[in-house]
All heavy atoms as atom14 arrays in JSON, in Angstrom:
{
  "sequence": "FDPKHAGNELGITVEQASRITVPSLLVHGREDKVVPLDVAQQMVR",
  "atom14_mask": [
    [1, 1, 1, 1, 1, 1, 1, 1, 1, 1, 1, 0, 0, 0],
    [1, 1, 1, 1, 1, 1, 1, 1, 0, 0, 0, 0, 0, 0],
    [1, 1, 1, 1, 1, 1, 1, 0, 0, 0, 0, 0, 0, 0],
    [1, 1, 1, 1, 1, 1, 1, 1, 1, 0, 0, 0, 0, 0],
    [1, 1, 1, 1, 1, 1, 1, 1, 1, 1, 0, 0, 0, 0],
    [1, 1, 1, 1, 1, 0, 0, 0, 0, 0, 0, 0, 0, 0],
    [1, 1, 1, 1, 0, 0, 0, 0, 0, 0, 0, 0, 0, 0],
    [1, 1, 1, 1, 1, 1, 1, 1, 0, 0, 0, 0, 0, 0],
    [1, 1, 1, 1, 1, 1, 1, 1, 1, 0, 0, 0, 0, 0],
    [1, 1, 1, 1, 1, 1, 1, 1, 0, 0, 0, 0, 0, 0],
    [1, 1, 1, 1, 0, 0, 0, 0, 0, 0, 0, 0, 0, 0],
    [1, 1, 1, 1, 1, 1, 1, 1, 0, 0, 0, 0, 0, 0],
    [1, 1, 1, 1, 1, 1, 1, 0, 0, 0, 0, 0, 0, 0],
    [1, 1, 1, 1, 1, 1, 1, 0, 0, 0, 0, 0, 0, 0],
    [1, 1, 1, 1, 1, 1, 1, 1, 1, 0, 0, 0, 0, 0],
    [1, 1, 1, 1, 1, 1, 1, 1, 1, 0, 0, 0, 0, 0],
    [1, 1, 1, 1, 1, 0, 0, 0, 0, 0, 0, 0, 0, 0],
    [1, 1, 1, 1, 1, 1, 0, 0, 0, 0, 0, 0, 0, 0],
    [1, 1, 1, 1, 1, 1, 1, 1, 1, 1, 1, 0, 0, 0],
    [1, 1, 1, 1, 1, 1, 1, 1, 0, 0, 0, 0, 0, 0],
    [1, 1, 1, 1, 1, 1, 1, 0, 0, 0, 0, 0, 0, 0],
    [1, 1, 1, 1, 1, 1, 1, 0, 0, 0, 0, 0, 0, 0],
    [1, 1, 1, 1, 1, 1, 1, 0, 0, 0, 0, 0, 0, 0],
    [1, 1, 1, 1, 1, 1, 0, 0, 0, 0, 0, 0, 0, 0],
    [1, 1, 1, 1, 1, 1, 1, 1, 0, 0, 0, 0, 0, 0],
    [1, 1, 1, 1, 1, 1, 1, 1, 0, 0, 0, 0, 0, 0],
    [1, 1, 1, 1, 1, 1, 1, 0, 0, 0, 0, 0, 0, 0],
    [1, 1, 1, 1, 1, 1, 1, 1, 1, 1, 0, 0, 0, 0],
    [1, 1, 1, 1, 0, 0, 0, 0, 0, 0, 0, 0, 0, 0],
    [1, 1, 1, 1, 1, 1, 1, 1, 1, 1, 1, 0, 0, 0],
    [1, 1, 1, 1, 1, 1, 1, 1, 1, 0, 0, 0, 0, 0],
    [1, 1, 1, 1, 1, 1, 1, 1, 0, 0, 0, 0, 0, 0],
    [1, 1, 1, 1, 1, 1, 1, 1, 1, 0, 0, 0, 0, 0],
    [1, 1, 1, 1, 1, 1, 1, 0, 0, 0, 0, 0, 0, 0],
    [1, 1, 1, 1, 1, 1, 1, 0, 0, 0, 0, 0, 0, 0],
    [1, 1, 1, 1, 1, 1, 1, 0, 0, 0, 0, 0, 0, 0],
    [1, 1, 1, 1, 1, 1, 1, 1, 0, 0, 0, 0, 0, 0],
    [1, 1, 1, 1, 1, 1, 1, 1, 0, 0, 0, 0, 0, 0],
    [1, 1, 1, 1, 1, 1, 1, 0, 0, 0, 0, 0, 0, 0],
    [1, 1, 1, 1, 1, 0, 0, 0, 0, 0, 0, 0, 0, 0],
    [1, 1, 1, 1, 1, 1, 1, 1, 1, 0, 0, 0, 0, 0],
    [1, 1, 1, 1, 1, 1, 1, 1, 1, 0, 0, 0, 0, 0],
    [1, 1, 1, 1, 1, 1, 1, 1, 0, 0, 0, 0, 0, 0],
    [1, 1, 1, 1, 1, 1, 1, 0, 0, 0, 0, 0, 0, 0],
    [1, 1, 1, 1, 1, 1, 1, 1, 1, 1, 1, 0, 0, 0]
  ],
  "atom14_positions": [
    [[-2.97, -15.73, 6.73], [-2.08, -16.79, 6.27], [-2.55, -18.19, 6.64], [-2.18, -19.15, 5.98], [-0.67, -16.58, 6.82], [0.05, -15.41, 6.19], [0.07, -14.18, 6.82], [0.67, -15.54, 4.95], [0.71, -13.09, 6.23], [1.32, -14.47, 4.37], [1.34, -13.24, 5.0], [0.0, 0.0, 0.0], [0.0, 0.0, 0.0], [0.0, 0.0, 0.0]],
    [[-3.35, -18.32, 7.69], [-3.86, -19.63, 8.07], [-4.99, -20.01, 7.11], [-5.95, -19.26, 6.95], [-4.38, -19.59, 9.5], [-4.75, -20.96, 10.04], [-5.23, -21.8, 9.25], [-4.57, -21.2, 11.24], [0.0, 0.0, 0.0], [0.0, 0.0, 0.0], [0.0, 0.0, 0.0], [0.0, 0.0, 0.0], [0.0, 0.0, 0.0], [0.0, 0.0, 0.0]],
    [[-4.9, -21.17, 6.43], [-5.91, -21.53, 5.42], [-7.32, -21.68, 5.96], [-8.29, -21.68, 5.19], [-5.39, -22.86, 4.85], [-4.44, -23.38, 5.86], [-3.83, -22.18, 6.52], [0.0, 0.0, 0.0], [0.0, 0.0, 0.0], [0.0, 0.0, 0.0], [0.0, 0.0, 0.0], [0.0, 0.0, 0.0], [0.0, 0.0, 0.0], [0.0, 0.0, 0.0]],
    [[-7.47, -21.8, 7.28], [-8.83, -21.91, 7.82], [-9.54, -20.56, 7.86], [-10.75, -20.49, 8.03], [-8.82, -22.54, 9.2], [-8.42, -21.62, 10.34], [-8.56, -22.33, 11.67], [-8.21, -21.4, 12.85], [-8.36, -22.07, 14.15], [0.0, 0.0, 0.0], [0.0, 0.0, 0.0], [0.0, 0.0, 0.0], [0.0, 0.0, 0.0], [0.0, 0.0, 0.0]],
    [[-8.76, -19.46, 7.67], [-9.34, -18.13, 7.62], [-9.37, -17.63, 6.17], [-8.79, -18.25, 5.27], [-8.53, -17.16, 8.49], [-8.49, -17.55, 9.94], [-9.6, -17.54, 10.73], [-7.47, -17.99, 10.72], [-9.28, -17.93, 11.96], [-8.0, -18.22, 11.99], [0.0, 0.0, 0.0], [0.0, 0.0, 0.0], [0.0, 0.0, 0.0], [0.0, 0.0, 0.0]],
    [[-10.06, -16.52, 5.94], [-10.22, -16.01, 4.57], [-10.05, -14.5, 4.53], [-10.8, -13.8, 3.86], [-11.58, -16.43, 4.02], [0.0, 0.0, 0.0], [0.0, 0.0, 0.0], [0.0, 0.0, 0.0], [0.0, 0.0, 0.0], [0.0, 0.0, 0.0], [0.0, 0.0, 0.0], [0.0, 0.0, 0.0], [0.0, 0.0, 0.0], [0.0, 0.0, 0.0]],
    [[-9.04, -14.01, 5.25], [-8.86, -12.57, 5.35], [-8.48, -11.89, 4.05], [-8.67, -10.68, 3.89], [0.0, 0.0, 0.0], [0.0, 0.0, 0.0], [0.0, 0.0, 0.0], [0.0, 0.0, 0.0], [0.0, 0.0, 0.0], [0.0, 0.0, 0.0], [0.0, 0.0, 0.0], [0.0, 0.0, 0.0], [0.0, 0.0, 0.0], [0.0, 0.0, 0.0]],
    [[-7.94, -12.65, 3.11], [-7.51, -12.06, 1.84], [-8.61, -12.06, 0.78], [-8.41, -11.49, -0.31], [-6.3, -12.82, 1.29], [-5.06, -12.59, 2.14], [-4.72, -11.45, 2.46], [-4.38, -13.68, 2.52], [0.0, 0.0, 0.0], [0.0, 0.0, 0.0], [0.0, 0.0, 0.0], [0.0, 0.0, 0.0], [0.0, 0.0, 0.0], [0.0, 0.0, 0.0]],
    [[-9.74, -12.68, 1.06], [-10.81, -12.79, 0.07], [-11.72, -11.57, 0.14], [-12.81, -11.6, 0.73], [-11.58, -14.09, 0.28], [-10.71, -15.33, 0.06], [-11.42, -16.63, 0.35], [-12.67, -16.6, 0.49], [-10.75, -17.68, 0.44], [0.0, 0.0, 0.0], [0.0, 0.0, 0.0], [0.0, 0.0, 0.0], [0.0, 0.0, 0.0], [0.0, 0.0, 0.0]],
    [[-11.26, -10.48, -0.47], [-11.94, -9.18, -0.36], [-12.43, -8.67, -1.71], [-12.81, -7.51, -1.83], [-11.02, -8.15, 0.29], [-10.49, -8.48, 1.69], [-9.51, -7.4, 2.15], [-11.62, -8.65, 2.67], [0.0, 0.0, 0.0], [0.0, 0.0, 0.0], [0.0, 0.0, 0.0], [0.0, 0.0, 0.0], [0.0, 0.0, 0.0], [0.0, 0.0, 0.0]],
    [[-12.4, -9.51, -2.72], [-12.76, -9.06, -4.06], [-14.23, -8.66, -4.18], [-15.09, -9.1, -3.41], [0.0, 0.0, 0.0], [0.0, 0.0, 0.0], [0.0, 0.0, 0.0], [0.0, 0.0, 0.0], [0.0, 0.0, 0.0], [0.0, 0.0, 0.0], [0.0, 0.0, 0.0], [0.0, 0.0, 0.0], [0.0, 0.0, 0.0], [0.0, 0.0, 0.0]],
    [[-14.5, -7.8, -5.15], [-15.86, -7.42, -5.48], [-15.96, -7.32, -7.0], [-15.03, -6.82, -7.66], [-16.26, -6.09, -4.81], [-17.74, -5.76, -5.08], [-15.35, -4.95, -5.22], [-18.27, -4.6, -4.26], [0.0, 0.0, 0.0], [0.0, 0.0, 0.0], [0.0, 0.0, 0.0], [0.0, 0.0, 0.0], [0.0, 0.0, 0.0], [0.0, 0.0, 0.0]],
    [[-17.03, -7.83, -7.56], [-17.18, -7.83, -9.01], [-17.88, -6.57, -9.48], [-18.52, -5.86, -8.69], [-17.98, -9.05, -9.47], [-19.34, -8.93, -8.99], [-17.36, -10.35, -8.95], [0.0, 0.0, 0.0], [0.0, 0.0, 0.0], [0.0, 0.0, 0.0], [0.0, 0.0, 0.0], [0.0, 0.0, 0.0], [0.0, 0.0, 0.0], [0.0, 0.0, 0.0]],
    [[-17.79, -6.31, -10.78], [-18.52, -5.19, -11.37], [-20.02, -5.35, -11.13], [-20.72, -4.38, -10.8], [-18.21, -5.09, -12.88], [-19.14, -4.08, -13.55], [-16.76, -4.7, -13.1], [0.0, 0.0, 0.0], [0.0, 0.0, 0.0], [0.0, 0.0, 0.0], [0.0, 0.0, 0.0], [0.0, 0.0, 0.0], [0.0, 0.0, 0.0], [0.0, 0.0, 0.0]],
    [[-20.51, -6.58, -11.26], [-21.93, -6.83, -11.08], [-22.37, -6.51, -9.65], [-23.42, -5.9, -9.43], [-22.26, -8.29, -11.41], [-22.15, -8.64, -12.89], [-20.71, -8.73, -13.36], [-19.79, -8.93, -12.52], [-20.48, -8.56, -14.58], [0.0, 0.0, 0.0], [0.0, 0.0, 0.0], [0.0, 0.0, 0.0], [0.0, 0.0, 0.0], [0.0, 0.0, 0.0]],
    [[-21.58, -6.93, -8.66], [-21.9, -6.63, -7.28], [-21.93, -5.12, -7.03], [-22.87, -4.59, -6.47], [-20.86, -7.26, -6.35], [-20.99, -8.74, -6.13], [-19.88, -9.24, -5.24], [-18.71, -9.34, -5.66], [-20.21, -9.55, -4.0], [0.0, 0.0, 0.0], [0.0, 0.0, 0.0], [0.0, 0.0, 0.0], [0.0, 0.0, 0.0], [0.0, 0.0, 0.0]],
    [[-20.87, -4.45, -7.46], [-20.75, -3.01, -7.2], [-21.85, -2.24, -7.89], [-22.38, -1.25, -7.33], [-19.38, -2.52, -7.66], [0.0, 0.0, 0.0], [0.0, 0.0, 0.0], [0.0, 0.0, 0.0], [0.0, 0.0, 0.0], [0.0, 0.0, 0.0], [0.0, 0.0, 0.0], [0.0, 0.0, 0.0], [0.0, 0.0, 0.0], [0.0, 0.0, 0.0]],
    [[-22.24, -2.64, -9.08], [-23.25, -1.9, -9.84], [-24.63, -1.99, -9.19], [-25.51, -1.17, -9.5], [-23.31, -2.42, -11.27], [-23.78, -3.76, -11.3], [0.0, 0.0, 0.0], [0.0, 0.0, 0.0], [0.0, 0.0, 0.0], [0.0, 0.0, 0.0], [0.0, 0.0, 0.0], [0.0, 0.0, 0.0], [0.0, 0.0, 0.0], [0.0, 0.0, 0.0]],
    [[-24.82, -2.95, -8.28], [-26.1, -3.08, -7.59], [-26.15, -2.28, -6.29], [-27.2, -2.2, -5.65], [-26.39, -4.55, -7.29], [-26.63, -5.4, -8.53], [-27.24, -6.75, -8.15], [-26.32, -7.55, -7.34], [-25.48, -8.47, -7.83], [-25.42, -8.68, -9.14], [-24.72, -9.18, -7.02], [0.0, 0.0, 0.0], [0.0, 0.0, 0.0], [0.0, 0.0, 0.0]],
    [[-25.03, -1.68, -5.88], [-24.98, -0.93, -4.63], [-25.35, 0.52, -4.91], [-24.56, 1.28, -5.48], [-23.57, -1.03, -3.99], [-23.25, -2.47, -3.65], [-23.5, -0.14, -2.73], [-21.82, -2.71, -3.18], [0.0, 0.0, 0.0], [0.0, 0.0, 0.0], [0.0, 0.0, 0.0], [0.0, 0.0, 0.0], [0.0, 0.0, 0.0], [0.0, 0.0, 0.0]],
    [[-26.55, 0.9, -4.52], [-27.08, 2.21, -4.87], [-26.95, 3.24, -3.75], [-27.36, 4.4, -3.92], [-28.55, 2.11, -5.28], [-29.31, 1.56, -4.19], [-28.7, 1.22, -6.51], [0.0, 0.0, 0.0], [0.0, 0.0, 0.0], [0.0, 0.0, 0.0], [0.0, 0.0, 0.0], [0.0, 0.0, 0.0], [0.0, 0.0, 0.0], [0.0, 0.0, 0.0]],
    [[-26.39, 2.85, -2.6], [-26.2, 3.79, -1.5], [-25.32, 4.95, -1.97], [-24.27, 4.73, -2.57], [-25.55, 3.1, -0.29], [-25.19, 4.09, 0.79], [-26.47, 2.01, 0.26], [0.0, 0.0, 0.0], [0.0, 0.0, 0.0], [0.0, 0.0, 0.0], [0.0, 0.0, 0.0], [0.0, 0.0, 0.0], [0.0, 0.0, 0.0], [0.0, 0.0, 0.0]],
    [[-25.72, 6.22, -1.73], [-24.87, 7.35, -2.09], [-23.49, 7.2, -1.46], [-23.37, 6.92, -0.26], [-25.62, 8.55, -1.54], [-27.04, 8.11, -1.46], [-26.99, 6.65, -1.12], [0.0, 0.0, 0.0], [0.0, 0.0, 0.0], [0.0, 0.0, 0.0], [0.0, 0.0, 0.0], [0.0, 0.0, 0.0], [0.0, 0.0, 0.0], [0.0, 0.0, 0.0]],
    [[-22.44, 7.4, -2.26], [-21.07, 7.11, -1.8], [-20.12, 8.22, -2.22], [-20.19, 8.72, -3.35], [-20.59, 5.77, -2.37], [-21.47, 4.72, -2.03], [0.0, 0.0, 0.0], [0.0, 0.0, 0.0], [0.0, 0.0, 0.0], [0.0, 0.0, 0.0], [0.0, 0.0, 0.0], [0.0, 0.0, 0.0], [0.0, 0.0, 0.0], [0.0, 0.0, 0.0]],
    [[-19.21, 8.55, -1.31], [-18.11, 9.44, -1.62], [-16.82, 8.64, -1.49], [-16.52, 8.11, -0.41], [-18.08, 10.63, -0.65], [-16.86, 11.56, -0.78], [-16.84, 12.26, -2.13], [-16.83, 12.58, 0.36], [0.0, 0.0, 0.0], [0.0, 0.0, 0.0], [0.0, 0.0, 0.0], [0.0, 0.0, 0.0], [0.0, 0.0, 0.0], [0.0, 0.0, 0.0]],
    [[-16.07, 8.53, -2.57], [-14.78, 7.86, -2.55], [-13.7, 8.92, -2.3], [-13.66, 9.93, -3.0], [-14.51, 7.14, -3.86], [-15.18, 5.77, -4.05], [-16.69, 5.87, -3.97], [-14.77, 5.14, -5.36], [0.0, 0.0, 0.0], [0.0, 0.0, 0.0], [0.0, 0.0, 0.0], [0.0, 0.0, 0.0], [0.0, 0.0, 0.0], [0.0, 0.0, 0.0]],
    [[-12.86, 8.69, -1.31], [-11.78, 9.61, -0.97], [-10.47, 8.84, -1.1], [-10.33, 7.74, -0.53], [-11.92, 10.16, 0.45], [-10.76, 11.08, 0.8], [-13.25, 10.9, 0.61], [0.0, 0.0, 0.0], [0.0, 0.0, 0.0], [0.0, 0.0, 0.0], [0.0, 0.0, 0.0], [0.0, 0.0, 0.0], [0.0, 0.0, 0.0], [0.0, 0.0, 0.0]],
    [[-9.5, 9.39, -1.85], [-8.29, 8.62, -2.12], [-7.07, 9.55, -2.16], [-7.16, 10.67, -2.65], [-8.4, 7.89, -3.45], [-7.91, 6.48, -3.39], [-8.73, 5.41, -3.15], [-6.66, 5.96, -3.53], [-8.01, 4.29, -3.15], [-6.75, 4.61, -3.4], [0.0, 0.0, 0.0], [0.0, 0.0, 0.0], [0.0, 0.0, 0.0], [0.0, 0.0, 0.0]],
    [[-5.96, 9.05, -1.64], [-4.69, 9.76, -1.78], [-4.07, 9.43, -3.13], [-4.02, 8.25, -3.53], [0.0, 0.0, 0.0], [0.0, 0.0, 0.0], [0.0, 0.0, 0.0], [0.0, 0.0, 0.0], [0.0, 0.0, 0.0], [0.0, 0.0, 0.0], [0.0, 0.0, 0.0], [0.0, 0.0, 0.0], [0.0, 0.0, 0.0], [0.0, 0.0, 0.0]],
    [[-3.6, 10.44, -3.83], [-3.04, 10.22, -5.17], [-1.84, 9.29, -5.13], [-1.61, 8.5, -6.06], [-2.64, 11.57, -5.78], [-2.24, 11.5, -7.25], [-1.85, 12.87, -7.76], [-0.63, 13.38, -7.08], [-0.17, 14.62, -7.22], [-0.83, 15.5, -7.96], [0.93, 15.0, -6.59], [0.0, 0.0, 0.0], [0.0, 0.0, 0.0], [0.0, 0.0, 0.0]],
    [[-1.07, 9.36, -4.05], [0.14, 8.54, -3.94], [-0.06, 7.27, -3.1], [0.91, 6.73, -2.58], [1.27, 9.38, -3.34], [1.89, 10.39, -4.3], [1.0, 11.63, -4.53], [0.27, 12.02, -3.6], [1.06, 12.2, -5.63], [0.0, 0.0, 0.0], [0.0, 0.0, 0.0], [0.0, 0.0, 0.0], [0.0, 0.0, 0.0], [0.0, 0.0, 0.0]],
    [[-1.27, 6.8, -2.96], [-1.55, 5.61, -2.16], [-0.79, 4.4, -2.74], [-0.99, 4.03, -3.91], [-3.06, 5.34, -2.18], [-3.49, 4.32, -1.14], [-2.71, 3.42, -0.81], [-4.64, 4.41, -0.67], [0.0, 0.0, 0.0], [0.0, 0.0, 0.0], [0.0, 0.0, 0.0], [0.0, 0.0, 0.0], [0.0, 0.0, 0.0], [0.0, 0.0, 0.0]],
    [[0.06, 3.79, -1.91], [0.84, 2.63, -2.33], [0.23, 1.3, -1.89], [0.75, 0.24, -2.24], [2.27, 2.73, -1.78], [3.07, 3.9, -2.32], [4.46, 3.92, -1.71], [5.29, 5.09, -2.21], [6.64, 5.11, -1.6], [0.0, 0.0, 0.0], [0.0, 0.0, 0.0], [0.0, 0.0, 0.0], [0.0, 0.0, 0.0], [0.0, 0.0, 0.0]],
    [[-0.84, 1.37, -1.1], [-1.49, 0.15, -0.63], [-2.67, -0.2, -1.52], [-2.79, -1.33, -2.02], [-1.94, 0.31, 0.84], [-2.65, -0.95, 1.31], [-0.76, 0.63, 1.75], [0.0, 0.0, 0.0], [0.0, 0.0, 0.0], [0.0, 0.0, 0.0], [0.0, 0.0, 0.0], [0.0, 0.0, 0.0], [0.0, 0.0, 0.0], [0.0, 0.0, 0.0]],
    [[-3.55, 0.76, -1.74], [-4.66, 0.61, -2.69], [-4.52, 1.72, -3.72], [-4.75, 2.88, -3.42], [-6.02, 0.71, -1.99], [-7.16, 0.57, -3.01], [-6.15, -0.34, -0.89], [0.0, 0.0, 0.0], [0.0, 0.0, 0.0], [0.0, 0.0, 0.0], [0.0, 0.0, 0.0], [0.0, 0.0, 0.0], [0.0, 0.0, 0.0], [0.0, 0.0, 0.0]],
    [[-4.12, 1.41, -4.94], [-3.82, 2.45, -5.93], [-5.05, 3.29, -6.29], [-6.19, 2.83, -6.21], [-3.34, 1.65, -7.16], [-2.96, 0.32, -6.63], [-3.84, 0.06, -5.46], [0.0, 0.0, 0.0], [0.0, 0.0, 0.0], [0.0, 0.0, 0.0], [0.0, 0.0, 0.0], [0.0, 0.0, 0.0], [0.0, 0.0, 0.0], [0.0, 0.0, 0.0]],
    [[-4.79, 4.51, -6.71], [-5.86, 5.43, -7.09], [-6.75, 4.85, -8.19], [-7.96, 5.1, -8.21], [-5.26, 6.75, -7.54], [-6.22, 7.8, -8.12], [-7.31, 8.16, -7.12], [-5.44, 9.05, -8.56], [0.0, 0.0, 0.0], [0.0, 0.0, 0.0], [0.0, 0.0, 0.0], [0.0, 0.0, 0.0], [0.0, 0.0, 0.0], [0.0, 0.0, 0.0]],
    [[-6.18, 4.06, -9.1], [-7.0, 3.58, -10.21], [-8.13, 2.65, -9.74], [-9.12, 2.48, -10.45], [-6.15, 2.91, -11.29], [-5.35, 1.71, -10.79], [-5.57, 1.27, -9.65], [-4.5, 1.23, -11.55], [0.0, 0.0, 0.0], [0.0, 0.0, 0.0], [0.0, 0.0, 0.0], [0.0, 0.0, 0.0], [0.0, 0.0, 0.0], [0.0, 0.0, 0.0]],
    [[-8.01, 2.07, -8.53], [-9.11, 1.28, -7.99], [-10.31, 2.18, -7.71], [-11.45, 1.86, -8.07], [-8.68, 0.54, -6.72], [-9.87, -0.16, -6.06], [-7.59, -0.48, -7.03], [0.0, 0.0, 0.0], [0.0, 0.0, 0.0], [0.0, 0.0, 0.0], [0.0, 0.0, 0.0], [0.0, 0.0, 0.0], [0.0, 0.0, 0.0], [0.0, 0.0, 0.0]],
    [[-10.07, 3.34, -7.1], [-11.16, 4.28, -6.83], [-11.73, 4.84, -8.13], [-12.95, 5.04, -8.25], [-10.66, 5.42, -5.94], [0.0, 0.0, 0.0], [0.0, 0.0, 0.0], [0.0, 0.0, 0.0], [0.0, 0.0, 0.0], [0.0, 0.0, 0.0], [0.0, 0.0, 0.0], [0.0, 0.0, 0.0], [0.0, 0.0, 0.0], [0.0, 0.0, 0.0]],
    [[-10.86, 5.08, -9.1], [-11.33, 5.6, -10.39], [-12.22, 4.58, -11.1], [-13.19, 4.94, -11.77], [-10.13, 5.99, -11.25], [-9.38, 7.19, -10.71], [-8.06, 7.44, -11.41], [-7.4, 6.51, -11.86], [-7.65, 8.7, -11.5], [0.0, 0.0, 0.0], [0.0, 0.0, 0.0], [0.0, 0.0, 0.0], [0.0, 0.0, 0.0], [0.0, 0.0, 0.0]],
    [[-11.89, 3.31, -10.94], [-12.74, 2.25, -11.51], [-14.07, 2.18, -10.75], [-15.15, 2.07, -11.36], [-12.01, 0.91, -11.45], [-12.86, -0.29, -11.84], [-13.08, -0.41, -13.34], [-12.79, 0.51, -14.11], [-13.63, -1.55, -13.76], [0.0, 0.0, 0.0], [0.0, 0.0, 0.0], [0.0, 0.0, 0.0], [0.0, 0.0, 0.0], [0.0, 0.0, 0.0]],
    [[-14.02, 2.27, -9.43], [-15.23, 2.13, -8.62], [-16.19, 3.29, -8.87], [-17.42, 3.1, -8.86], [-14.87, 2.06, -7.14], [-14.29, 0.72, -6.72], [-15.47, -0.66, -6.83], [-16.47, -0.35, -5.38], [0.0, 0.0, 0.0], [0.0, 0.0, 0.0], [0.0, 0.0, 0.0], [0.0, 0.0, 0.0], [0.0, 0.0, 0.0], [0.0, 0.0, 0.0]],
    [[-15.67, 4.49, -9.07], [-16.57, 5.63, -9.28], [-17.31, 5.51, -10.61], [-18.38, 6.1, -10.81], [-15.81, 6.97, -9.17], [-15.07, 7.29, -10.46], [-16.76, 8.1, -8.78], [0.0, 0.0, 0.0], [0.0, 0.0, 0.0], [0.0, 0.0, 0.0], [0.0, 0.0, 0.0], [0.0, 0.0, 0.0], [0.0, 0.0, 0.0], [0.0, 0.0, 0.0]],
    [[-16.76, 4.71, -11.53], [-17.44, 4.46, -12.8], [-18.5, 3.38, -12.66], [-19.43, 3.3, -13.48], [-16.44, 4.08, -13.89], [-15.56, 5.22, -14.36], [-14.78, 4.83, -15.6], [-13.73, 3.86, -15.33], [-12.46, 4.2, -15.07], [-12.1, 5.48, -15.04], [-11.55, 3.26, -14.85], [0.0, 0.0, 0.0], [0.0, 0.0, 0.0], [0.0, 0.0, 0.0]]
  ]
}
């Protein structure tokens, strides 16, 4: 909440993600209310 910090700036673009080639396993709870499942479904694509 303090403007001198940037804790909420956590975005990642399609271009950034598409360049990350490290093998990855996404694990998600279907009923996640904090980070919805569709975020993981988008990332796995």
